[in-house]
Amino acid sequence: MKKILTLVCVSALGGLLTLGGYMLFVKQDEGHVAVEQVSELPIYVPTNTNTTFNSATNVAPNFVEAAEKTINAVVHVKNTAIVSAPMTMQDLFFGRSQQRAQVGTGSGVIISPTGYIVTNNHVIQNANEISITLNNNKAYMAEVIGTDESTDIALLKIEADDDLPFMAFGDSDNAKIGEWVLAVGNPFNLNSTVTAGIISAKSRDLSGRNLQSFIQTDAAVNPGNSGGALVNTNGDLIGINTAISSRDGSYIGYSFAVPSNIARKIVNDIMEYGNVQNGILGVVGGALNSKAAEQLGTDITEGFYVSEVTADTGAEKAGLKSGDIIKKIDNQDINKFSDLSGYLKTKSPDDVVNVTLIRDGDEEVLPVTLLRPTTYVVETIGYVKNASKKELKKFGADYGVKISKFDKNYKPYWNKNGIEEGSIVTRINGKKLYSVDDAENALKTRNINEPLQIEVINNEGEKVVYNFR
């Protein structure tokens, strides 16, 4: 019995030693392997959900205040025009002309308590009658104070008994890409409609001829929104909604607004002068990109490359030269031509701008005084410019503007009739021309149904009138 008990104790002791050794050496090694495997193949990625939530909350925009501040200052514009309807056989037989009223609609923004309203030129173009309906459903007849076709801006006026709710122009230069904006207008005759989006781009040109400088947004804008307000979350007017990018005429993603700084300048000029006063810099060139930079032998790929400086302009007098690269005007970066043209549209003749340029690798800042345009494009002719007394005397004229460059499509016609570059245009539609401003005004005030009449002095010194329809 004693031997059996001793054998059991020895066996138990051996088992304990074996288990202890296993736990001490083998099990520890297996534990290390397991830890390394988990390290190499993680089963989750740590996420800070609190930070994400707080960030989203902080940037979430509140449009209520902006909508309340602006919605009553946006009006419905109704344009009634008299147009000719298709003629029937009976009309032809009896010599009758069929005319009917055609109605177009859009939006407008009240910009003063006395009833001045800014809208798009295309909203009221060719109107025989313009009706304005406020957000409180009161209706008024409107008078056209002035228009500017190139920027598509028009100024109207209504007479109300009481002061009207209005919006003041904001500073569109301070608008940032990615900033939230509201479009306020009357799409599809749905009064007082507000949509939201962000600024997608600035200085956008849709013409391909560097004539425009739109603010691009992804706020939903549809037919009827034209002439309405683009505002920021503070309720500041930063643009006049003008166009959409669409294949079918309805909103599919992008809309475009005339920047408020341009619209304000146009309105101020119309109020003060009756027309738009443009100030020109006096440079010819184009925007830089990688290909252009390579051809020009520069490593600068953004900016405006000056290929030519126009004579007798502010740029020439300030010392700008061919080969200069304009990087800034005042505090505005110039990365493409529409940046340059858009900013200059906010300026007037005799304004001084500081031009930051790169010349021979060095940066310089030159103050330039903007001057009035000395050239203008007349349809069917081409470029005309102010004529000197000596040039007028050569043709025996007391007034007129000089043809500086023909439109290539019309050059053969004029040459066939004895008119060459350098000839003098004396009248357009009966109005005497003393400067290119007179030529511009004659064309702008011409009725769309009126033939274009141009009086020119030919090579024989004779004044000849040409009519174009």
Protein backbone atom coordinates (compact mmCIF):
# COMPACT_ATOMS: atom_id res chain seq x y z
CA MET A 1 0.00 0.00 0.00
CA LYS A 2 2.81 2.36 0.92
CA LYS A 3 4.54 1.61 -2.45
CA ILE A 4 1.31 2.35 -4.39
CA LEU A 5 0.84 5.71 -2.60
CA THR A 6 4.47 6.65 -3.30
CA LEU A 7 4.02 5.76 -7.00
CA VAL A 8 0.87 7.94 -7.24
CA CYS A 9 2.63 10.93 -5.65
CA VAL A 10 5.61 10.60 -7.97
CA SER A 11 3.27 10.39 -11.00
CA ALA A 12 1.33 13.49 -9.85
CA LEU A 13 4.55 15.40 -9.25
CA GLY A 14 5.79 14.47 -12.77
CA GLY A 15 2.54 15.64 -14.30
CA LEU A 16 2.75 18.97 -12.50
CA LEU A 17 6.32 19.49 -13.67
CA THR A 18 5.35 18.63 -17.25
CA LEU A 19 2.36 21.04 -17.17
CA GLY A 20 4.46 23.80 -15.65
CA GLY A 21 7.12 23.42 -18.32
CA TYR A 22 4.51 23.53 -21.05
CA MET A 23 2.96 26.67 -19.64
CA LEU A 24 6.32 28.35 -19.09
CA PHE A 25 7.94 27.66 -22.49
CA VAL A 26 5.55 26.33 -25.11
CA LYS A 27 2.42 28.36 -24.25
CA GLN A 28 4.37 31.67 -24.09
CA ASP A 29 5.84 31.07 -27.56
CA GLU A 30 2.34 30.41 -28.97
CA GLY A 31 1.12 33.66 -27.37
CA HIS A 32 3.80 35.67 -29.19
CA VAL A 33 2.82 34.16 -32.52
CA ALA A 34 -0.84 35.01 -31.95
CA VAL A 35 -0.06 38.66 -31.18
CA GLU A 36 2.04 39.01 -34.33
CA GLN A 37 -0.76 37.55 -36.48
CA VAL A 38 -3.30 40.06 -35.15
CA SER A 39 -0.82 42.87 -35.78
CA GLU A 40 -0.40 41.87 -39.43
CA LEU A 41 -4.13 41.42 -40.12
CA PRO A 42 -6.15 44.08 -38.26
CA ILE A 43 -9.87 43.50 -38.24
CA TYR A 44 -10.92 47.19 -37.85
CA VAL A 45 -9.71 50.76 -38.57
CA PRO A 46 -9.91 53.24 -35.66
CA THR A 47 -12.41 56.05 -36.40
CA ASN A 48 -13.01 59.28 -34.51
CA THR A 49 -16.77 59.62 -34.98
CA ASN A 50 -17.00 62.61 -32.64
CA THR A 51 -14.69 64.74 -34.80
CA THR A 52 -16.58 63.90 -37.99
CA PHE A 53 -19.93 64.77 -36.43
CA ASN A 54 -18.75 68.09 -35.01
CA SER A 55 -17.12 69.12 -38.30
CA ALA A 56 -20.31 68.50 -40.25
CA THR A 57 -22.32 70.43 -37.71
CA ASN A 58 -20.01 73.44 -37.83
CA VAL A 59 -20.13 73.85 -41.65
CA ALA A 60 -23.85 73.15 -42.13
CA PRO A 61 -25.28 76.35 -43.68
CA ASN A 62 -28.40 78.11 -42.44
CA PHE A 63 -30.30 79.63 -45.37
CA VAL A 64 -33.32 80.90 -43.45
CA GLU A 65 -31.97 84.36 -42.64
CA ALA A 66 -30.61 84.91 -46.17
CA ALA A 67 -33.93 83.85 -47.72
CA GLU A 68 -35.93 86.15 -45.42
CA LYS A 69 -33.67 89.11 -46.23
CA THR A 70 -33.88 88.67 -50.00
CA ILE A 71 -37.11 87.06 -51.11
CA ASN A 72 -39.22 90.23 -50.95
CA ALA A 73 -36.68 92.17 -53.03
CA VAL A 74 -36.90 89.76 -55.98
CA VAL A 75 -39.70 90.48 -58.46
CA HIS A 76 -41.47 88.78 -61.35
CA VAL A 77 -40.87 90.46 -64.73
CA LYS A 78 -43.35 90.03 -67.59
CA ASN A 79 -42.32 91.21 -71.05
CA THR A 80 -45.03 91.70 -73.70
CA ALA A 81 -43.80 92.10 -77.27
CA ILE A 82 -45.77 92.47 -80.50
CA VAL A 83 -44.53 90.00 -83.11
CA SER A 84 -45.65 89.09 -86.59
CA ALA A 85 -47.51 85.81 -86.89
CA PRO A 86 -47.19 83.50 -89.92
CA MET A 87 -49.29 84.84 -92.79
CA THR A 88 -52.08 82.84 -94.40
CA MET A 89 -53.11 82.90 -98.07
CA GLN A 90 -56.05 85.17 -97.12
CA ASP A 91 -53.67 87.59 -95.43
CA LEU A 92 -51.58 87.75 -98.58
CA PHE A 93 -54.66 88.22 -100.77
CA PHE A 94 -56.12 91.05 -98.68
CA GLY A 95 -52.74 92.60 -97.84
CA ARG A 96 -53.13 92.04 -94.11
CA SER A 97 -50.33 91.54 -91.63
CA GLN A 98 -50.94 89.29 -88.67
CA GLN A 99 -49.51 90.49 -85.38
CA ARG A 100 -49.90 89.01 -81.94
CA ALA A 101 -48.69 89.58 -78.42
CA GLN A 102 -45.85 87.38 -77.24
CA VAL A 103 -45.22 87.16 -73.48
CA GLY A 104 -41.90 86.31 -71.86
CA THR A 105 -41.14 86.11 -68.15
CA GLY A 106 -38.14 86.42 -65.90
CA SER A 107 -36.97 87.87 -62.62
CA GLY A 108 -35.51 91.12 -61.35
CA VAL A 109 -33.92 92.53 -58.20
CA ILE A 110 -35.01 95.76 -56.51
CA ILE A 111 -31.81 97.69 -55.72
CA SER A 112 -33.26 100.87 -54.21
CA PRO A 113 -36.32 101.79 -52.11
CA THR A 114 -37.36 104.19 -54.89
CA GLY A 115 -38.04 101.36 -57.36
CA TYR A 116 -34.91 100.81 -59.46
CA ILE A 117 -34.73 97.18 -60.63
CA VAL A 118 -31.84 95.32 -62.25
CA THR A 119 -32.55 92.38 -64.56
CA ASN A 120 -31.12 90.75 -67.70
CA ASN A 121 -31.25 92.53 -71.03
CA HIS A 122 -32.58 89.39 -72.71
CA VAL A 123 -35.53 89.33 -70.29
CA ILE A 124 -36.90 92.69 -71.53
CA GLN A 125 -35.42 92.87 -75.03
CA ASN A 126 -37.86 94.13 -77.73
CA ALA A 127 -40.58 94.65 -75.12
CA ASN A 128 -43.55 96.86 -75.90
CA GLU A 129 -44.73 96.63 -72.31
CA ILE A 130 -43.04 95.50 -69.08
CA SER A 131 -45.01 94.51 -65.98
CA ILE A 132 -43.44 94.01 -62.54
CA THR A 133 -45.14 91.92 -59.83
CA LEU A 134 -43.81 92.14 -56.28
CA ASN A 135 -43.77 89.31 -53.78
CA ASN A 136 -46.94 90.78 -52.19
CA ASN A 137 -48.70 90.45 -55.60
CA LYS A 138 -48.81 94.22 -56.27
CA ALA A 139 -48.21 94.94 -59.96
CA TYR A 140 -46.62 97.98 -61.64
CA MET A 141 -45.69 99.05 -65.16
CA ALA A 142 -41.94 99.52 -65.63
CA GLU A 143 -39.85 101.97 -67.64
CA VAL A 144 -36.54 100.93 -69.24
CA ILE A 145 -33.81 103.27 -67.99
CA GLY A 146 -30.98 101.67 -69.93
CA THR A 147 -29.42 98.40 -71.10
CA ASP A 148 -26.02 96.90 -71.86
CA GLU A 149 -26.16 94.00 -74.29
CA SER A 150 -22.52 92.94 -73.83
CA THR A 151 -23.00 92.14 -70.12
CA ASP A 152 -26.74 91.30 -70.49
CA ILE A 153 -27.74 93.82 -67.82
CA ALA A 154 -30.79 96.13 -67.92
CA LEU A 155 -32.06 98.78 -65.49
CA LEU A 156 -35.80 99.34 -64.97
CA LYS A 157 -37.81 101.77 -62.83
CA ILE A 158 -41.26 101.49 -61.25
CA GLU A 159 -43.20 104.15 -59.34
CA ALA A 160 -44.59 102.93 -56.01
CA ASP A 161 -46.36 104.90 -53.29
CA ASP A 162 -44.19 103.50 -50.49
CA ASP A 163 -40.54 102.57 -50.09
CA LEU A 164 -39.83 99.11 -51.46
CA PRO A 165 -37.77 96.27 -49.95
CA PHE A 166 -34.41 96.20 -51.70
CA MET A 167 -31.02 94.52 -51.81
CA ALA A 168 -27.67 96.30 -51.74
CA PHE A 169 -24.86 95.06 -53.98
CA GLY A 170 -22.25 92.92 -52.23
CA ASP A 171 -18.60 92.52 -53.22
CA SER A 172 -18.37 89.63 -55.70
CA ASP A 173 -14.55 89.77 -55.62
CA ASN A 174 -14.72 88.41 -52.08
CA ALA A 175 -16.85 85.40 -53.08
CA LYS A 176 -14.92 82.14 -52.76
CA ILE A 177 -15.08 78.89 -54.71
CA GLY A 178 -16.90 76.34 -52.53
CA GLU A 179 -18.94 79.02 -50.75
CA TRP A 180 -22.66 78.36 -50.27
CA VAL A 181 -25.04 80.55 -52.29
CA LEU A 182 -28.78 80.93 -52.91
CA ALA A 183 -30.52 81.56 -56.23
CA VAL A 184 -33.74 83.54 -55.75
CA GLY A 185 -36.17 83.95 -58.63
CA ASN A 186 -39.31 82.85 -60.45
CA PRO A 187 -38.59 79.70 -62.50
CA PHE A 188 -41.50 78.44 -64.61
CA ASN A 189 -43.63 81.31 -63.16
CA LEU A 190 -43.27 79.83 -59.66
CA ASN A 191 -42.91 83.03 -57.64
CA SER A 192 -40.43 83.41 -54.80
CA THR A 193 -38.42 80.24 -55.36
CA VAL A 194 -35.15 79.69 -53.47
CA THR A 195 -32.54 77.08 -54.40
CA ALA A 196 -29.11 76.45 -52.91
CA GLY A 197 -25.70 75.38 -54.16
CA ILE A 198 -22.04 76.30 -54.05
CA ILE A 199 -19.82 78.51 -56.17
CA SER A 200 -18.23 76.07 -58.62
CA ALA A 201 -15.91 78.50 -60.43
CA LYS A 202 -15.27 82.19 -61.05
CA SER A 203 -14.36 84.22 -64.15
CA ARG A 204 -16.06 81.68 -66.41
CA ASP A 205 -16.34 82.63 -70.11
CA LEU A 206 -19.02 80.82 -72.14
CA SER A 207 -18.57 82.77 -75.37
CA GLY A 208 -15.11 81.48 -76.25
CA ARG A 209 -14.19 85.07 -77.19
CA ASN A 210 -13.13 86.26 -73.71
CA LEU A 211 -16.15 88.56 -73.48
CA GLN A 212 -17.69 87.22 -70.27
CA SER A 213 -16.71 86.64 -66.67
CA PHE A 214 -19.47 84.69 -64.92
CA ILE A 215 -19.74 83.23 -61.44
CA GLN A 216 -20.53 79.54 -61.95
CA THR A 217 -22.72 77.74 -59.38
CA ASP A 218 -24.54 74.44 -59.04
CA ALA A 219 -27.67 76.07 -57.58
CA ALA A 220 -30.73 74.99 -59.60
CA VAL A 221 -31.59 77.76 -62.08
CA ASN A 222 -34.28 77.30 -64.75
CA PRO A 223 -36.11 79.43 -67.34
CA GLY A 224 -37.66 82.33 -65.42
CA ASN A 225 -34.71 82.66 -63.03
CA SER A 226 -32.95 85.01 -65.45
CA GLY A 227 -32.43 88.41 -63.82
CA GLY A 228 -32.89 87.02 -60.31
CA ALA A 229 -30.54 87.23 -57.37
CA LEU A 230 -27.52 85.16 -56.42
CA VAL A 231 -26.83 85.77 -52.74
CA ASN A 232 -24.47 84.42 -50.10
CA THR A 233 -25.55 83.09 -46.70
CA ASN A 234 -25.42 86.63 -45.28
CA GLY A 235 -28.03 87.72 -47.83
CA ASP A 236 -25.54 89.86 -49.81
CA LEU A 237 -26.27 90.23 -53.54
CA ILE A 238 -23.18 88.84 -55.29
CA GLY A 239 -24.59 88.14 -58.75
CA ILE A 240 -27.47 88.40 -61.24
CA ASN A 241 -28.46 84.94 -62.51
CA THR A 242 -28.18 84.97 -66.29
CA ALA A 243 -27.58 81.63 -68.02
CA ILE A 244 -27.61 77.86 -67.63
CA SER A 245 -25.54 75.12 -69.22
CA SER A 246 -28.07 72.77 -70.71
CA ARG A 247 -28.95 70.74 -73.78
CA ASP A 248 -32.70 71.08 -73.35
CA GLY A 249 -33.01 74.55 -71.77
CA SER A 250 -33.53 73.32 -68.22
CA TYR A 251 -31.14 72.94 -65.31
CA ILE A 252 -28.76 69.98 -65.50
CA GLY A 253 -25.94 71.00 -63.20
CA TYR A 254 -24.44 74.45 -63.73
CA SER A 255 -25.74 78.00 -63.86
CA PHE A 256 -24.01 81.33 -64.38
CA ALA A 257 -24.39 84.80 -62.88
CA VAL A 258 -23.03 88.23 -63.77
CA PRO A 259 -20.84 89.22 -60.78
CA SER A 260 -22.36 91.99 -58.64
CA ASN A 261 -19.33 94.26 -59.07
CA ILE A 262 -19.85 94.26 -62.85
CA ALA A 263 -23.64 94.71 -62.54
CA ARG A 264 -23.20 97.58 -60.07
CA LYS A 265 -20.77 99.38 -62.37
CA ILE A 266 -23.15 99.00 -65.35
CA VAL A 267 -26.09 100.33 -63.29
CA ASN A 268 -24.10 103.30 -61.98
CA ASP A 269 -22.96 104.22 -65.50
CA ILE A 270 -26.50 104.03 -66.89
CA MET A 271 -27.81 106.21 -64.06
CA GLU A 272 -25.04 108.80 -64.40
CA TYR A 273 -24.24 108.84 -68.12
CA GLY A 274 -27.07 107.00 -69.86
CA ASN A 275 -24.62 104.44 -71.25
CA VAL A 276 -21.70 102.29 -70.14
CA GLN A 277 -18.30 103.94 -69.72
CA ASN A 278 -15.56 101.37 -70.33
CA GLY A 279 -11.94 101.87 -69.38
CA ILE A 280 -9.31 99.96 -71.38
CA LEU A 281 -5.83 98.88 -70.36
CA GLY A 282 -4.39 98.83 -73.88
CA VAL A 283 -2.74 95.42 -74.20
CA VAL A 284 -3.12 92.55 -76.66
CA GLY A 285 -2.16 88.97 -75.82
CA GLY A 286 -3.49 85.80 -74.30
CA ALA A 287 -3.61 83.52 -71.29
CA LEU A 288 -0.63 81.32 -70.54
CA ASN A 289 -0.75 77.53 -70.29
CA SER A 290 1.85 74.78 -70.52
CA LYS A 291 1.93 74.75 -74.33
CA ALA A 292 2.03 78.53 -74.68
CA ALA A 293 4.73 78.80 -72.00
CA GLU A 294 6.88 76.28 -73.87
CA GLN A 295 6.50 78.20 -77.15
CA LEU A 296 7.37 81.48 -75.44
CA GLY A 297 10.33 80.02 -73.58
CA THR A 298 9.05 80.66 -70.06
CA ASP A 299 8.33 78.36 -67.13
CA ILE A 300 5.34 80.48 -66.01
CA THR A 301 2.06 78.73 -66.90
CA GLU A 302 -0.45 81.16 -65.36
CA GLY A 303 -0.99 84.79 -66.18
CA PHE A 304 -1.65 87.06 -69.18
CA TYR A 305 1.14 87.29 -71.77
CA VAL A 306 1.39 90.71 -73.41
CA SER A 307 2.17 90.28 -77.12
CA GLU A 308 1.45 93.88 -78.11
CA VAL A 309 0.87 97.22 -76.40
CA THR A 310 -1.62 99.51 -78.17
CA ALA A 311 -0.39 102.98 -79.04
CA ASP A 312 -1.70 105.99 -77.11
CA THR A 313 -3.14 103.92 -74.27
CA GLY A 314 -2.56 103.88 -70.54
CA ALA A 315 -0.48 100.71 -70.85
CA GLU A 316 1.94 102.34 -73.28
CA LYS A 317 2.21 105.50 -71.19
CA ALA A 318 2.87 103.46 -68.03
CA GLY A 319 5.71 101.54 -69.70
CA LEU A 320 4.23 98.08 -70.30
CA LYS A 321 6.09 96.16 -72.98
CA SER A 322 5.63 93.20 -75.27
CA GLY A 323 6.78 90.09 -73.41
CA ASP A 324 5.51 91.20 -70.01
CA ILE A 325 3.43 88.68 -68.05
CA ILE A 326 0.62 90.24 -66.01
CA LYS A 327 0.09 88.32 -62.75
CA LYS A 328 -2.15 90.72 -60.79
CA ILE A 329 -4.26 93.82 -61.19
CA ASP A 330 -4.64 95.53 -57.83
CA ASN A 331 -5.21 92.56 -55.49
CA GLN A 332 -6.86 90.30 -58.09
CA ASP A 333 -4.87 87.31 -59.37
CA ILE A 334 -4.80 87.08 -63.18
CA ASN A 335 -4.62 83.43 -64.25
CA LYS A 336 -6.62 83.67 -67.48
CA PHE A 337 -7.96 86.31 -69.85
CA SER A 338 -11.46 86.35 -68.30
CA ASP A 339 -9.85 87.28 -64.94
CA LEU A 340 -8.38 90.33 -66.65
CA SER A 341 -11.44 91.34 -68.69
CA GLY A 342 -13.83 90.68 -65.80
CA TYR A 343 -11.96 92.92 -63.40
CA LEU A 344 -11.55 95.72 -65.95
CA LYS A 345 -15.34 95.71 -66.52
CA THR A 346 -15.71 96.97 -62.95
CA LYS A 347 -13.51 99.99 -63.73
CA SER A 348 -14.10 103.30 -65.50
CA PRO A 349 -12.02 105.64 -67.68
CA ASP A 350 -9.43 107.58 -65.64
CA ASP A 351 -9.35 104.90 -62.90
CA VAL A 352 -5.79 103.93 -61.90
CA VAL A 353 -4.97 100.23 -61.44
CA ASN A 354 -1.75 98.71 -60.15
CA VAL A 355 -0.47 96.09 -62.60
CA THR A 356 1.87 93.46 -61.14
CA LEU A 357 3.94 91.88 -63.90
CA ILE A 358 6.93 89.64 -64.51
CA ARG A 359 9.63 91.09 -66.80
CA ASP A 360 12.89 89.26 -67.43
CA GLY A 361 12.27 87.16 -64.33
CA ASP A 362 11.75 90.17 -62.04
CA GLU A 363 8.47 91.35 -60.53
CA GLU A 364 7.41 94.96 -61.07
CA VAL A 365 4.31 96.98 -60.17
CA LEU A 366 3.23 99.71 -62.60
CA PRO A 367 0.30 102.11 -62.04
CA VAL A 368 -1.80 102.36 -65.22
CA THR A 369 -4.51 104.95 -65.95
CA LEU A 370 -7.39 103.38 -67.88
CA LEU A 371 -8.51 105.33 -70.94
CA ARG A 372 -11.63 105.38 -73.08
CA PRO A 373 -11.73 102.87 -75.97
CA THR A 374 -10.37 104.27 -79.21
CA THR A 375 -11.61 101.39 -81.38
CA TYR A 376 -15.02 99.77 -81.84
CA VAL A 377 -16.40 96.91 -83.93
CA VAL A 378 -19.14 97.90 -86.37
CA GLU A 379 -21.10 95.03 -87.90
CA THR A 380 -20.60 94.61 -91.67
CA ILE A 381 -17.41 96.75 -91.51
CA GLY A 382 -15.01 95.62 -88.79
CA TYR A 383 -12.84 97.79 -86.54
CA VAL A 384 -13.21 101.57 -86.60
CA LYS A 385 -11.14 104.03 -84.56
CA ASN A 386 -11.08 107.74 -83.83
CA ALA A 387 -9.73 109.76 -86.74
CA SER A 388 -7.21 112.58 -86.40
CA LYS A 389 -7.80 116.02 -87.93
CA LYS A 390 -5.12 115.25 -90.51
CA GLU A 391 -6.87 112.02 -91.55
CA LEU A 392 -10.23 113.80 -91.80
CA LYS A 393 -8.70 116.62 -93.86
CA LYS A 394 -7.31 114.06 -96.33
CA PHE A 395 -10.88 113.02 -97.15
CA GLY A 396 -12.31 116.54 -96.90
CA ALA A 397 -14.43 115.60 -93.87
CA ASP A 398 -15.30 117.58 -90.76
CA TYR A 399 -16.26 114.48 -88.76
CA GLY A 400 -16.12 110.68 -88.96
CA VAL A 401 -14.26 107.61 -87.74
CA LYS A 402 -11.57 105.69 -89.61
CA ILE A 403 -11.86 102.07 -90.77
CA SER A 404 -8.77 100.46 -89.22
CA LYS A 405 -9.42 96.80 -90.09
CA PHE A 406 -12.13 95.14 -92.18
CA ASP A 407 -14.15 92.14 -91.13
CA LYS A 408 -12.67 89.45 -93.40
CA ASN A 409 -16.15 88.39 -94.57
CA TYR A 410 -17.03 91.90 -95.78
CA LYS A 411 -13.65 93.12 -97.02
CA PRO A 412 -14.23 92.01 -100.67
CA TYR A 413 -17.56 93.86 -100.72
CA TRP A 414 -16.10 97.15 -99.52
CA ASN A 415 -13.01 96.91 -101.72
CA LYS A 416 -15.26 96.30 -104.74
CA ASN A 417 -17.05 99.57 -103.95
CA GLY A 418 -13.86 101.60 -103.66
CA ILE A 419 -13.69 101.54 -99.85
CA GLU A 420 -10.37 100.60 -98.25
CA GLU A 421 -8.86 100.47 -94.77
CA GLY A 422 -8.27 104.09 -93.80
CA SER A 423 -11.54 105.28 -95.36
CA ILE A 424 -13.84 107.46 -93.24
CA VAL A 425 -17.31 106.46 -91.98
CA THR A 426 -19.29 109.66 -91.43
CA ARG A 427 -22.77 108.50 -90.36
CA ILE A 428 -24.60 105.42 -89.07
CA ASN A 429 -28.38 105.52 -89.52
CA GLY A 430 -28.23 109.26 -90.12
CA LYS A 431 -26.28 110.06 -86.93
CA LYS A 432 -23.02 111.96 -87.31
CA LEU A 433 -19.92 110.22 -85.94
CA TYR A 434 -17.36 112.32 -84.11
CA SER A 435 -15.87 109.37 -82.15
CA VAL A 436 -16.22 105.63 -81.69
CA ASP A 437 -18.59 106.39 -78.80
CA ASP A 438 -21.01 107.88 -81.32
CA ALA A 439 -20.73 104.74 -83.45
CA GLU A 440 -21.47 102.57 -80.44
CA ASN A 441 -24.48 104.67 -79.41
CA ALA A 442 -25.87 104.72 -82.96
CA LEU A 443 -25.83 100.93 -83.11
CA LYS A 444 -27.20 100.45 -79.60
CA THR A 445 -30.15 102.79 -80.16
CA ARG A 446 -31.00 101.32 -83.56
CA ASN A 447 -34.36 99.57 -83.79
CA ILE A 448 -33.89 95.87 -84.49
CA ASN A 449 -36.28 96.07 -87.47
CA GLU A 450 -34.50 99.11 -88.89
CA PRO A 451 -32.02 98.53 -91.74
CA LEU A 452 -28.38 99.38 -91.02
CA GLN A 453 -27.43 102.50 -92.99
CA ILE A 454 -23.74 103.41 -93.29
CA GLU A 455 -22.38 106.55 -94.95
CA VAL A 456 -18.76 106.25 -96.12
CA ILE A 457 -16.38 108.47 -98.11
CA ASN A 458 -14.98 106.44 -101.01
CA ASN A 459 -11.67 106.80 -102.86
CA GLU A 460 -13.20 109.42 -105.15
CA GLY A 461 -14.01 111.61 -102.15
CA GLU A 462 -17.74 111.00 -102.53
CA LYS A 463 -20.10 110.27 -99.64
CA VAL A 464 -21.96 107.06 -100.44
CA VAL A 465 -24.74 105.49 -98.36
CA TYR A 466 -24.95 101.70 -98.08
CA ASN A 467 -27.97 99.86 -96.66
CA PHE A 468 -27.82 96.43 -94.98
CA ARG A 469 -30.77 94.35 -93.80
